Amino acid sequence: MNGRERVLTLLDGGTPDCLPFMPITMMFAADHAGVAYRQYATDYRSLVEAQLRIAKDYDCDHVSCISDPGREAADCGATLKYFEDQPPAIDESHAVLADSTALARLALPDPLGGGRMRDRVNAVALFKQRTGADKLIEGWVEGPCAEAADLRGINTLMMDFYEDPNFVRDLFEFVTELGLRFGRAQIDAGADIIGVGDAAASLIGPELYEEFVWPYEHKLISGLHEMGGRVRLHICGNTSPILQGMGRLGCAIVDLDFPAGLAAARAAMGPCQTLLGNIDPVRVLRDGAPDSVFEAIAQCHRDAGSPYIAGAGCEVPRGTPPENFRAMHRYARSATPHQSA
């Protein structure tokens, strides 16, 4: 089986030849290819070349367009700060929606209009041309809570939940429609799966999550499914209090950051949810030894049971020793997919 076949077989309820291997690689991929991160994040050709190289050299089963959370926000008019070899950062001191009344005047940008969203769509199309039959192609959009925070400012949004809940709902409607348009453009260009990153959702409690965030995540994910796409949900941070809600979204893959337990996720989400992750990317993957990485990912598999995909609990950090990265892959290729290790 090639990588694309391996992942799709698992997601369709079949038994692949081994565990799929789908780590998030961004700065690690850029460094491996010798590309400055500013170039990786702003030139789709550099991103594609770096992803193809790491997929080939480390036998990853997918390639991904993820680079930073500023694509949609930039096309909405956000100010981004660019650095030569670090990810771009959104300047919250000049937030697009610092004045909440500006939302009524904010137009939805066209994902094909020539901005940063178009650059990601171009990456999907180039992946389709270069490796569409061999590797799963992953697009990416920001989830409603994350994108709302990008446009409003994270601290201000947290106050809005209490002080202006109607504005929050209007904002979430806007960013959900933005995500659907961006997702459609990537699916039309050839993406097999859309990653939905909703990092800010781990910063609120389960009550606010259920009332404000979950309905819009569900609308976004259901819409992407209706377009023929699959969804990989990733919420950075400790999502333990919202695991059950995440499991009710119907995602093809729930990708868990390391603070959330995989055994708890399996108990909350049931036997059919495909889980991905989630060793500590810094203390274990970057700073550990190959044998300890191998055992850590084996323990993740034991905790998660099946169906399961091997990967770290968030991005593979810059500076991770290649032999540690290969230890994750070695476990994935040696494990029986539908049995705990």
Protein backbone atom coordinates (compact mmCIF):
# COMPACT_ATOMS: atom_id res chain seq x y z
CA MET A 1 0.00 0.00 0.00
CA ASN A 2 1.10 3.55 -0.60
CA GLY A 3 0.48 6.27 1.97
CA ARG A 4 -2.79 7.52 0.53
CA GLU A 5 -4.22 4.03 0.28
CA ARG A 6 -3.08 3.22 3.83
CA VAL A 7 -4.86 6.19 5.41
CA LEU A 8 -8.04 5.90 3.35
CA THR A 9 -8.29 2.17 4.03
CA LEU A 10 -8.19 2.82 7.77
CA LEU A 11 -10.68 5.68 7.58
CA ASP A 12 -13.05 3.55 5.53
CA GLY A 13 -13.06 0.82 8.19
CA GLY A 14 -10.62 -1.54 6.50
CA THR A 15 -7.34 -3.01 7.65
CA PRO A 16 -4.24 -1.39 6.15
CA ASP A 17 -0.88 -3.17 6.01
CA CYS A 18 0.39 -1.15 9.02
CA LEU A 19 -0.43 1.93 11.06
CA PRO A 20 -0.65 5.16 9.06
CA PHE A 21 1.96 7.78 9.98
CA MET A 22 0.75 11.41 9.84
CA PRO A 23 2.92 13.74 11.96
CA ILE A 24 2.49 17.51 11.65
CA THR A 25 5.76 18.85 10.22
CA MET A 26 6.25 22.55 9.55
CA MET A 27 9.52 24.04 10.83
CA PHE A 28 10.96 20.51 10.94
CA ALA A 29 10.11 20.10 7.24
CA ALA A 30 11.48 23.50 6.28
CA ASP A 31 14.75 22.83 8.12
CA HIS A 32 15.03 19.39 6.52
CA ALA A 33 14.72 21.00 3.09
CA GLY A 34 17.07 23.88 3.92
CA VAL A 35 14.34 26.49 3.42
CA ALA A 36 13.96 29.60 5.59
CA TYR A 37 10.57 29.50 7.28
CA ARG A 38 9.40 32.81 5.85
CA GLN A 39 9.84 31.31 2.39
CA TYR A 40 8.08 28.10 3.46
CA ALA A 41 5.07 30.06 4.74
CA THR A 42 4.79 32.52 1.85
CA ASP A 43 5.75 30.55 -1.28
CA TYR A 44 3.64 27.47 -1.97
CA ARG A 45 6.34 25.97 -4.20
CA SER A 46 8.83 25.95 -1.33
CA LEU A 47 6.26 24.43 1.02
CA VAL A 48 5.40 21.70 -1.47
CA GLU A 49 9.03 20.84 -2.14
CA ALA A 50 9.80 20.64 1.60
CA GLN A 51 6.75 18.46 2.30
CA LEU A 52 7.52 16.14 -0.60
CA ARG A 53 11.10 15.77 0.57
CA ILE A 54 10.18 14.94 4.17
CA ALA A 55 7.44 12.56 3.02
CA LYS A 56 9.94 10.74 0.84
CA ASP A 57 12.88 10.72 3.24
CA TYR A 58 10.81 9.71 6.29
CA ASP A 59 8.08 7.70 4.56
CA CYS A 60 5.20 9.83 5.85
CA ASP A 61 1.78 8.89 4.53
CA HIS A 62 0.58 12.40 3.82
CA VAL A 63 1.65 15.87 2.77
CA SER A 64 0.15 18.98 4.35
CA CYS A 65 -0.43 22.64 3.52
CA ILE A 66 -0.32 23.79 7.15
CA SER A 67 2.16 26.57 7.85
CA ASP A 68 0.65 29.16 10.22
CA PRO A 69 -2.79 30.39 11.32
CA GLY A 70 -2.62 33.72 9.49
CA ARG A 71 -3.92 32.82 6.03
CA GLU A 72 -7.57 33.77 6.39
CA ALA A 73 -6.86 36.65 8.75
CA ALA A 74 -4.35 38.21 6.33
CA ASP A 75 -6.90 38.16 3.53
CA CYS A 76 -9.39 39.85 5.88
CA GLY A 77 -6.92 42.69 6.37
CA ALA A 78 -4.98 41.58 9.47
CA THR A 79 -1.48 42.90 9.98
CA LEU A 80 1.07 40.09 10.05
CA LYS A 81 4.64 40.35 11.24
CA TYR A 82 7.07 38.31 9.18
CA PHE A 83 10.38 36.91 10.40
CA GLU A 84 13.14 35.34 8.35
CA ASP A 85 13.11 31.93 10.00
CA GLN A 86 10.06 31.84 12.30
CA PRO A 87 6.34 31.61 11.59
CA PRO A 88 4.51 34.85 10.83
CA ALA A 89 2.55 36.34 13.73
CA ILE A 90 -0.72 38.25 13.74
CA ASP A 91 -0.34 41.73 15.24
CA GLU A 92 -3.21 41.83 17.74
CA SER A 93 -2.45 45.45 18.61
CA HIS A 94 -3.99 46.25 15.21
CA ALA A 95 -6.75 43.62 15.24
CA VAL A 96 -9.12 43.76 12.27
CA LEU A 97 -12.10 43.75 14.63
CA ALA A 98 -10.72 45.79 17.51
CA ASP A 99 -13.95 47.73 17.00
CA SER A 100 -16.71 45.12 17.03
CA THR A 101 -18.94 47.28 14.81
CA ALA A 102 -16.44 46.75 11.98
CA LEU A 103 -17.79 43.22 11.54
CA ALA A 104 -20.86 44.58 9.76
CA ARG A 105 -18.58 46.20 7.17
CA LEU A 106 -16.14 43.29 6.77
CA ALA A 107 -16.50 41.48 3.45
CA LEU A 108 -15.71 37.80 3.07
CA PRO A 109 -12.48 37.55 1.06
CA ASP A 110 -12.29 35.34 -2.03
CA PRO A 111 -10.00 32.33 -1.36
CA LEU A 112 -8.97 32.51 -5.03
CA GLY A 113 -8.42 36.25 -4.98
CA GLY A 114 -4.63 36.23 -5.00
CA GLY A 115 -3.86 36.51 -1.29
CA ARG A 116 -2.47 34.08 1.25
CA MET A 117 -5.44 31.76 0.93
CA ARG A 118 -4.79 31.45 -2.79
CA ASP A 119 -1.18 30.50 -2.04
CA ARG A 120 -2.45 27.53 0.02
CA VAL A 121 -4.91 26.51 -2.71
CA ASN A 122 -2.00 26.59 -5.15
CA ALA A 123 -0.08 24.26 -2.84
CA VAL A 124 -2.94 21.75 -2.88
CA ALA A 125 -3.08 21.85 -6.67
CA LEU A 126 0.66 21.33 -6.96
CA PHE A 127 0.50 18.43 -4.49
CA LYS A 128 -2.24 16.90 -6.62
CA GLN A 129 -0.02 17.18 -9.66
CA ARG A 130 3.11 15.85 -7.98
CA THR A 131 1.90 13.15 -5.57
CA GLY A 132 -1.89 12.91 -5.70
CA ALA A 133 -1.97 9.15 -6.24
CA ASP A 134 0.65 8.31 -3.60
CA LYS A 135 0.25 10.56 -0.55
CA LEU A 136 -2.88 11.80 1.20
CA ILE A 137 -3.19 15.54 0.54
CA GLU A 138 -4.15 17.62 3.56
CA GLY A 139 -5.49 21.14 3.26
CA TRP A 140 -6.06 23.32 6.31
CA VAL A 141 -8.50 25.92 7.64
CA GLU A 142 -8.81 27.71 10.97
CA GLY A 143 -11.67 26.65 13.21
CA PRO A 144 -14.27 29.18 14.37
CA CYS A 145 -12.81 29.97 17.80
CA ALA A 146 -9.25 30.26 16.49
CA GLU A 147 -10.18 32.47 13.53
CA ALA A 148 -12.42 34.66 15.67
CA ALA A 149 -9.47 35.17 18.03
CA ASP A 150 -7.23 36.00 15.06
CA LEU A 151 -9.59 38.75 13.93
CA ARG A 152 -10.71 40.10 17.30
CA GLY A 153 -7.74 39.39 19.56
CA ILE A 154 -7.67 36.45 21.92
CA ASN A 155 -8.09 38.37 25.18
CA THR A 156 -10.88 40.53 23.83
CA LEU A 157 -12.73 37.49 22.49
CA MET A 158 -12.57 35.83 25.91
CA MET A 159 -14.32 38.88 27.40
CA ASP A 160 -16.86 38.94 24.57
CA PHE A 161 -18.24 35.55 25.59
CA TYR A 162 -19.58 37.26 28.71
CA GLU A 163 -20.01 40.87 27.64
CA ASP A 164 -21.34 40.57 24.08
CA PRO A 165 -22.48 37.02 23.29
CA ASN A 166 -24.58 38.13 20.32
CA PHE A 167 -21.50 39.63 18.69
CA VAL A 168 -19.63 36.36 19.29
CA ARG A 169 -22.34 34.43 17.46
CA ASP A 170 -22.28 36.89 14.56
CA LEU A 171 -18.50 36.66 14.41
CA PHE A 172 -18.59 32.86 14.50
CA GLU A 173 -21.12 32.84 11.64
CA PHE A 174 -18.74 35.00 9.60
CA VAL A 175 -15.63 32.92 10.23
CA THR A 176 -17.48 29.64 9.68
CA GLU A 177 -18.61 30.81 6.26
CA LEU A 178 -15.04 31.92 5.57
CA GLY A 179 -13.76 28.47 6.54
CA LEU A 180 -16.31 26.75 4.31
CA ARG A 181 -15.32 28.85 1.30
CA PHE A 182 -11.64 28.27 1.93
CA GLY A 183 -12.20 24.55 2.47
CA ARG A 184 -14.21 24.24 -0.75
CA ALA A 185 -11.43 25.87 -2.74
CA GLN A 186 -8.92 23.37 -1.35
CA ILE A 187 -11.20 20.37 -1.91
CA ASP A 188 -11.82 21.51 -5.48
CA ALA A 189 -8.04 21.77 -5.97
CA GLY A 190 -7.54 18.16 -4.85
CA ALA A 191 -7.35 17.99 -1.03
CA ASP A 192 -8.34 14.57 0.36
CA ILE A 193 -8.76 15.84 3.90
CA ILE A 194 -9.04 19.25 5.52
CA GLY A 195 -7.30 19.91 8.80
CA VAL A 196 -9.34 22.14 11.10
CA GLY A 197 -7.18 23.85 13.70
CA ASP A 198 -9.15 25.42 16.53
CA ALA A 199 -6.47 26.05 19.14
CA ALA A 200 -8.35 28.74 21.09
CA ALA A 201 -11.16 26.29 21.85
CA SER A 202 -9.03 24.64 24.54
CA LEU A 203 -8.86 27.92 26.48
CA ILE A 204 -12.53 28.03 27.42
CA GLY A 205 -14.51 25.73 29.68
CA PRO A 206 -16.88 22.99 28.55
CA GLU A 207 -19.98 25.12 29.07
CA LEU A 208 -18.80 27.90 26.77
CA TYR A 209 -17.48 25.31 24.33
CA GLU A 210 -20.87 23.60 24.08
CA GLU A 211 -22.83 26.84 23.85
CA PHE A 212 -20.65 28.89 21.50
CA VAL A 213 -17.97 26.84 19.78
CA TRP A 214 -19.34 23.35 19.20
CA PRO A 215 -22.32 24.44 17.05
CA TYR A 216 -20.03 26.32 14.65
CA GLU A 217 -17.38 23.61 14.55
CA HIS A 218 -20.21 21.22 13.70
CA LYS A 219 -21.51 23.53 10.98
CA LEU A 220 -18.02 23.86 9.48
CA ILE A 221 -17.23 20.15 9.63
CA SER A 222 -20.63 19.08 8.33
CA GLY A 223 -20.28 21.52 5.46
CA LEU A 224 -16.86 20.17 4.53
CA HIS A 225 -18.31 16.66 4.58
CA GLU A 226 -21.10 17.74 2.23
CA MET A 227 -18.44 18.96 -0.19
CA GLY A 228 -16.91 15.47 -0.25
CA GLY A 229 -14.03 16.24 2.10
CA ARG A 230 -12.89 14.52 5.27
CA VAL A 231 -11.79 16.38 8.39
CA ARG A 232 -8.83 16.07 10.76
CA LEU A 233 -9.59 18.11 13.88
CA HIS A 234 -6.66 19.44 15.90
CA ILE A 235 -7.17 21.60 18.99
CA CYS A 236 -3.91 22.51 20.69
CA GLY A 237 -3.69 22.32 24.47
CA ASN A 238 -5.55 20.37 27.12
CA THR A 239 -8.86 19.33 25.59
CA SER A 240 -9.75 16.84 28.35
CA PRO A 241 -12.89 18.78 29.42
CA ILE A 242 -14.31 18.84 25.86
CA LEU A 243 -13.40 15.36 24.56
CA GLN A 244 -16.99 14.19 24.39
CA GLY A 245 -18.04 17.19 22.35
CA MET A 246 -15.11 16.74 19.98
CA GLY A 247 -16.16 13.14 19.48
CA ARG A 248 -19.70 14.19 18.53
CA LEU A 249 -18.46 16.33 15.63
CA GLY A 250 -18.12 13.33 13.30
CA CYS A 251 -14.55 14.01 12.17
CA ALA A 252 -12.64 11.36 10.25
CA ILE A 253 -9.66 11.95 12.58
CA VAL A 254 -9.40 13.57 16.00
CA ASP A 255 -5.77 14.58 16.47
CA LEU A 256 -5.04 15.13 20.17
CA ASP A 257 -2.39 17.31 21.73
CA PHE A 258 -0.32 15.56 24.40
CA PRO A 259 -2.04 16.93 27.55
CA ALA A 260 -5.23 15.03 26.71
CA GLY A 261 -5.20 11.30 27.45
CA LEU A 262 -5.86 8.92 24.59
CA ALA A 263 -7.52 6.37 26.85
CA ALA A 264 -9.89 9.07 28.08
CA ALA A 265 -10.53 10.14 24.49
CA ARG A 266 -11.41 6.59 23.49
CA ALA A 267 -13.79 6.28 26.42
CA ALA A 268 -15.42 9.61 25.57
CA MET A 269 -15.58 9.18 21.79
CA GLY A 270 -16.38 5.50 21.42
CA PRO A 271 -14.88 2.63 19.44
CA CYS A 272 -15.27 4.01 15.91
CA GLN A 273 -13.46 7.36 16.18
CA THR A 274 -10.00 7.36 14.58
CA LEU A 275 -7.55 8.94 17.02
CA LEU A 276 -4.14 10.38 16.21
CA GLY A 277 -1.23 11.28 18.46
CA ASN A 278 -0.04 12.13 20.94
CA ILE A 279 3.41 11.84 22.54
CA ASP A 280 4.86 14.96 24.17
CA PRO A 281 6.56 16.64 21.21
CA VAL A 282 9.23 18.38 23.29
CA ARG A 283 10.14 16.31 26.35
CA VAL A 284 9.72 12.93 24.64
CA LEU A 285 10.12 13.41 20.87
CA ARG A 286 12.71 16.19 20.71
CA ASP A 287 14.55 15.65 23.98
CA GLY A 288 14.24 11.90 24.41
CA ALA A 289 16.05 8.93 22.89
CA PRO A 290 14.87 6.68 20.05
CA ASP A 291 13.99 3.78 22.34
CA SER A 292 11.91 6.00 24.64
CA VAL A 293 10.14 7.54 21.63
CA PHE A 294 9.34 4.07 20.30
CA GLU A 295 7.90 2.99 23.65
CA ALA A 296 5.97 6.25 24.06
CA ILE A 297 4.20 5.86 20.71
CA ALA A 298 3.53 2.21 21.53
CA GLN A 299 1.89 3.32 24.76
CA CYS A 300 -0.21 5.82 22.83
CA HIS A 301 -1.40 2.94 20.64
CA ARG A 302 -2.21 0.83 23.68
CA ASP A 303 -4.16 3.70 25.22
CA ALA A 304 -6.02 4.59 22.04
CA GLY A 305 -6.74 1.10 20.78
CA SER A 306 -8.11 1.06 17.26
CA PRO A 307 -8.59 2.80 14.90
CA TYR A 308 -5.40 4.77 15.47
CA ILE A 309 -2.83 6.79 13.50
CA ALA A 310 0.71 7.42 14.73
CA GLY A 311 1.90 10.97 15.28
CA ALA A 312 3.08 13.47 17.85
CA GLY A 313 0.86 15.54 20.13
CA CYS A 314 1.14 18.67 17.95
CA GLU A 315 3.87 19.87 15.59
CA VAL A 316 7.17 17.99 15.44
CA PRO A 317 9.53 20.58 16.92
CA ARG A 318 12.47 22.11 15.18
CA GLY A 319 15.63 20.38 16.37
CA THR A 320 14.08 16.93 16.77
CA PRO A 321 16.83 14.36 16.11
CA PRO A 322 16.16 12.45 12.89
CA GLU A 323 16.61 9.14 14.70
CA ASN A 324 13.81 10.09 17.13
CA PHE A 325 11.51 10.97 14.26
CA ARG A 326 12.37 7.66 12.62
CA ALA A 327 11.53 5.82 15.85
CA MET A 328 7.90 6.98 15.52
CA HIS A 329 7.88 5.74 11.94
CA ARG A 330 9.50 2.44 12.90
CA TYR A 331 6.74 1.75 15.40
CA ALA A 332 4.02 2.66 12.91
CA ARG A 333 5.40 0.31 10.30
CA SER A 334 5.81 -2.57 12.76
CA ALA A 335 2.42 -2.35 14.51
CA THR A 336 -0.78 -4.23 13.76
CA PRO A 337 -3.39 -1.60 12.91
CA HIS A 338 -6.46 -3.12 14.53
CA GLN A 339 -4.92 -4.38 17.74
CA SER A 340 -3.38 -2.48 20.58
CA ALA A 341 0.33 -2.99 20.79
